[in-house]
Amino acid sequence: MKRHYLKALRKDLGITLEDVAYSIDVSYNYVLNIENGHQGDKASFLLMGKIAKAYQITLEELYQFESEYQLQKGGG
């Protein structure tokens, strides 16, 4: 199950996967896998902070989005 909220935020900001990857110091494929739901379930707190900053949301907002995502995914 994809993290549609991240892709929507990124599109609204007009930034690319490459932009996000550069800003959080990971590979393009890593960011793609996070958005596609294949990675990121056990991301470090520091990485989550970088992700929130890259998508221009607060950690609290990211937590809320991710909590909803996990509930929909069945990982509650």
N, C-alpha and C. Protein backbone atom coordinates (compact mmCIF):
# COMPACT_ATOMS: atom_id res chain seq x y z
N MET A 1 0.84 -1.18 0.00
CA MET A 1 0.00 0.00 0.00
C MET A 1 0.89 1.24 0.00
N LYS A 2 0.60 2.12 -0.91
CA LYS A 2 1.43 3.31 -1.08
C LYS A 2 1.12 4.39 -0.06
N ARG A 3 2.12 5.20 0.21
CA ARG A 3 1.94 6.38 1.07
C ARG A 3 1.56 7.55 0.17
N HIS A 4 0.29 7.56 -0.21
CA HIS A 4 -0.19 8.60 -1.13
C HIS A 4 -0.03 10.00 -0.55
N TYR A 5 -0.06 10.10 0.78
CA TYR A 5 0.07 11.42 1.40
C TYR A 5 1.43 12.04 1.10
N LEU A 6 2.48 11.23 1.04
CA LEU A 6 3.80 11.79 0.74
C LEU A 6 3.90 12.26 -0.71
N LYS A 7 3.39 11.45 -1.62
CA LYS A 7 3.42 11.84 -3.03
C LYS A 7 2.59 13.11 -3.25
N ALA A 8 1.43 13.19 -2.62
CA ALA A 8 0.58 14.38 -2.77
C ALA A 8 1.27 15.61 -2.21
N LEU A 9 1.90 15.47 -1.05
CA LEU A 9 2.63 16.61 -0.48
C LEU A 9 3.75 17.05 -1.40
N ARG A 10 4.50 16.07 -1.92
CA ARG A 10 5.62 16.39 -2.80
C ARG A 10 5.15 17.09 -4.06
N LYS A 11 4.07 16.59 -4.65
CA LYS A 11 3.52 17.20 -5.87
C LYS A 11 3.04 18.63 -5.59
N ASP A 12 2.36 18.82 -4.45
CA ASP A 12 1.88 20.16 -4.07
C ASP A 12 3.03 21.14 -3.91
N LEU A 13 4.17 20.62 -3.42
CA LEU A 13 5.35 21.47 -3.24
C LEU A 13 6.12 21.70 -4.54
N GLY A 14 5.80 20.90 -5.55
CA GLY A 14 6.50 21.02 -6.83
C GLY A 14 7.94 20.52 -6.77
N ILE A 15 8.18 19.52 -5.91
CA ILE A 15 9.53 18.97 -5.81
C ILE A 15 9.53 17.53 -6.31
N THR A 16 10.70 17.06 -6.70
CA THR A 16 10.84 15.73 -7.27
C THR A 16 11.35 14.75 -6.22
N LEU A 17 11.30 13.49 -6.57
CA LEU A 17 11.90 12.47 -5.71
C LEU A 17 13.38 12.75 -5.50
N GLU A 18 14.02 13.22 -6.56
CA GLU A 18 15.45 13.56 -6.47
C GLU A 18 15.69 14.68 -5.47
N ASP A 19 14.81 15.68 -5.47
CA ASP A 19 14.93 16.79 -4.52
C ASP A 19 14.84 16.28 -3.09
N VAL A 20 13.86 15.41 -2.84
CA VAL A 20 13.69 14.86 -1.50
C VAL A 20 14.91 14.02 -1.13
N ALA A 21 15.34 13.16 -2.03
CA ALA A 21 16.50 12.30 -1.76
C ALA A 21 17.72 13.12 -1.40
N TYR A 22 17.96 14.18 -2.14
CA TYR A 22 19.10 15.04 -1.88
C TYR A 22 18.98 15.70 -0.51
N SER A 23 17.78 16.18 -0.19
CA SER A 23 17.61 16.92 1.07
C SER A 23 17.70 16.02 2.30
N ILE A 24 17.39 14.73 2.16
CA ILE A 24 17.48 13.84 3.33
C ILE A 24 18.68 12.91 3.24
N ASP A 25 19.50 13.10 2.20
CA ASP A 25 20.77 12.38 2.06
C ASP A 25 20.59 10.87 1.95
N VAL A 26 19.64 10.47 1.09
CA VAL A 26 19.44 9.06 0.77
C VAL A 26 19.30 8.95 -0.75
N SER A 27 19.22 7.73 -1.25
CA SER A 27 19.10 7.53 -2.69
C SER A 27 17.67 7.80 -3.18
N TYR A 28 17.58 8.07 -4.45
CA TYR A 28 16.29 8.24 -5.13
C TYR A 28 15.42 7.01 -4.88
N ASN A 29 16.02 5.81 -5.04
CA ASN A 29 15.27 4.57 -4.88
C ASN A 29 14.73 4.41 -3.46
N TYR A 30 15.49 4.87 -2.47
CA TYR A 30 15.03 4.78 -1.09
C TYR A 30 13.77 5.62 -0.89
N VAL A 31 13.79 6.85 -1.41
CA VAL A 31 12.61 7.71 -1.30
C VAL A 31 11.43 7.11 -2.07
N LEU A 32 11.70 6.59 -3.25
CA LEU A 32 10.65 5.94 -4.04
C LEU A 32 10.04 4.78 -3.26
N ASN A 33 10.89 3.98 -2.62
CA ASN A 33 10.41 2.85 -1.83
C ASN A 33 9.62 3.30 -0.61
N ILE A 34 10.00 4.42 -0.01
CA ILE A 34 9.22 4.95 1.12
C ILE A 34 7.83 5.36 0.63
N GLU A 35 7.77 6.12 -0.46
CA GLU A 35 6.48 6.55 -0.99
C GLU A 35 5.62 5.37 -1.43
N ASN A 36 6.26 4.33 -1.96
CA ASN A 36 5.52 3.16 -2.43
C ASN A 36 5.17 2.19 -1.31
N GLY A 37 5.62 2.47 -0.09
CA GLY A 37 5.25 1.64 1.04
C GLY A 37 6.12 0.42 1.23
N HIS A 38 7.24 0.35 0.51
CA HIS A 38 8.12 -0.81 0.61
C HIS A 38 9.21 -0.63 1.67
N GLN A 39 9.34 0.56 2.18
CA GLN A 39 10.37 0.87 3.16
C GLN A 39 9.86 1.97 4.07
N GLY A 40 10.52 2.14 5.19
CA GLY A 40 10.23 3.27 6.04
C GLY A 40 9.42 2.97 7.28
N ASP A 41 8.89 1.74 7.39
CA ASP A 41 8.09 1.42 8.57
C ASP A 41 8.90 1.50 9.85
N LYS A 42 10.17 1.29 9.77
CA LYS A 42 11.03 1.31 10.96
C LYS A 42 12.14 2.35 10.80
N ALA A 43 11.81 3.47 10.17
CA ALA A 43 12.79 4.53 9.95
C ALA A 43 13.21 5.15 11.28
N SER A 44 14.44 5.61 11.32
CA SER A 44 14.94 6.24 12.54
C SER A 44 14.26 7.59 12.78
N PHE A 45 14.29 8.01 14.01
CA PHE A 45 13.71 9.30 14.37
C PHE A 45 14.39 10.43 13.58
N LEU A 46 15.71 10.35 13.43
CA LEU A 46 16.42 11.39 12.68
C LEU A 46 15.98 11.42 11.23
N LEU A 47 15.80 10.25 10.63
CA LEU A 47 15.34 10.20 9.24
C LEU A 47 13.92 10.75 9.14
N MET A 48 13.08 10.44 10.10
CA MET A 48 11.72 10.96 10.07
C MET A 48 11.72 12.49 10.16
N GLY A 49 12.61 13.03 10.96
CA GLY A 49 12.74 14.48 11.04
C GLY A 49 13.14 15.08 9.71
N LYS A 50 14.07 14.42 9.03
CA LYS A 50 14.51 14.91 7.71
C LYS A 50 13.37 14.80 6.69
N ILE A 51 12.61 13.71 6.77
CA ILE A 51 11.49 13.53 5.85
C ILE A 51 10.45 14.62 6.07
N ALA A 52 10.11 14.88 7.32
CA ALA A 52 9.14 15.93 7.62
C ALA A 52 9.61 17.27 7.07
N LYS A 53 10.88 17.57 7.27
CA LYS A 53 11.43 18.84 6.78
C LYS A 53 11.38 18.90 5.26
N ALA A 54 11.73 17.81 4.58
CA ALA A 54 11.74 17.79 3.12
C ALA A 54 10.34 17.99 2.55
N TYR A 55 9.34 17.43 3.21
CA TYR A 55 7.95 17.57 2.75
C TYR A 55 7.25 18.78 3.37
N GLN A 56 8.03 19.56 4.12
CA GLN A 56 7.56 20.81 4.73
C GLN A 56 6.33 20.62 5.62
N ILE A 57 6.41 19.60 6.48
CA ILE A 57 5.38 19.36 7.48
C ILE A 57 6.08 19.16 8.82
N THR A 58 5.31 19.22 9.89
CA THR A 58 5.90 19.01 11.21
C THR A 58 6.01 17.52 11.49
N LEU A 59 6.81 17.18 12.49
CA LEU A 59 6.89 15.78 12.91
C LEU A 59 5.52 15.28 13.38
N GLU A 60 4.77 16.14 14.04
CA GLU A 60 3.44 15.76 14.49
C GLU A 60 2.53 15.43 13.31
N GLU A 61 2.58 16.26 12.27
CA GLU A 61 1.78 15.99 11.08
C GLU A 61 2.20 14.68 10.42
N LEU A 62 3.52 14.47 10.33
CA LEU A 62 4.02 13.23 9.74
C LEU A 62 3.55 12.03 10.56
N TYR A 63 3.60 12.15 11.87
CA TYR A 63 3.13 11.08 12.75
C TYR A 63 1.64 10.80 12.50
N GLN A 64 0.84 11.84 12.37
CA GLN A 64 -0.59 11.66 12.13
C GLN A 64 -0.84 10.99 10.79
N PHE A 65 -0.16 11.47 9.73
CA PHE A 65 -0.31 10.86 8.41
C PHE A 65 0.11 9.39 8.45
N GLU A 66 1.25 9.13 9.08
CA GLU A 66 1.78 7.77 9.12
C GLU A 66 0.90 6.85 9.96
N SER A 67 0.33 7.37 11.04
CA SER A 67 -0.58 6.57 11.86
C SER A 67 -1.80 6.15 11.05
N GLU A 68 -2.35 7.09 10.29
CA GLU A 68 -3.50 6.76 9.42
C GLU A 68 -3.10 5.75 8.37
N TYR A 69 -1.92 5.92 7.77
CA TYR A 69 -1.42 4.99 6.77
C TYR A 69 -1.29 3.59 7.36
N GLN A 70 -0.70 3.49 8.54
CA GLN A 70 -0.51 2.19 9.16
C GLN A 70 -1.84 1.52 9.51
N LEU A 71 -2.82 2.31 9.94
CA LEU A 71 -4.14 1.75 10.24
C LEU A 71 -4.81 1.20 8.97
N GLN A 72 -4.71 1.96 7.88
CA GLN A 72 -5.29 1.51 6.62
C GLN A 72 -4.58 0.28 6.10
N LYS A 73 -3.29 0.22 6.33
CA LYS A 73 -2.47 -0.90 5.88
C LYS A 73 -2.74 -2.14 6.72
N GLY A 74 -3.25 -1.93 7.91
CA GLY A 74 -3.50 -3.05 8.80
C GLY A 74 -2.37 -3.31 9.77
N GLY A 75 -1.47 -2.32 9.90
CA GLY A 75 -0.33 -2.48 10.80
C GLY A 75 -0.50 -1.74 12.10
N GLY A 76 -1.73 -1.21 12.35
CA GLY A 76 -2.16 -0.45 13.48
C GLY A 76 -1.28 -0.31 14.60
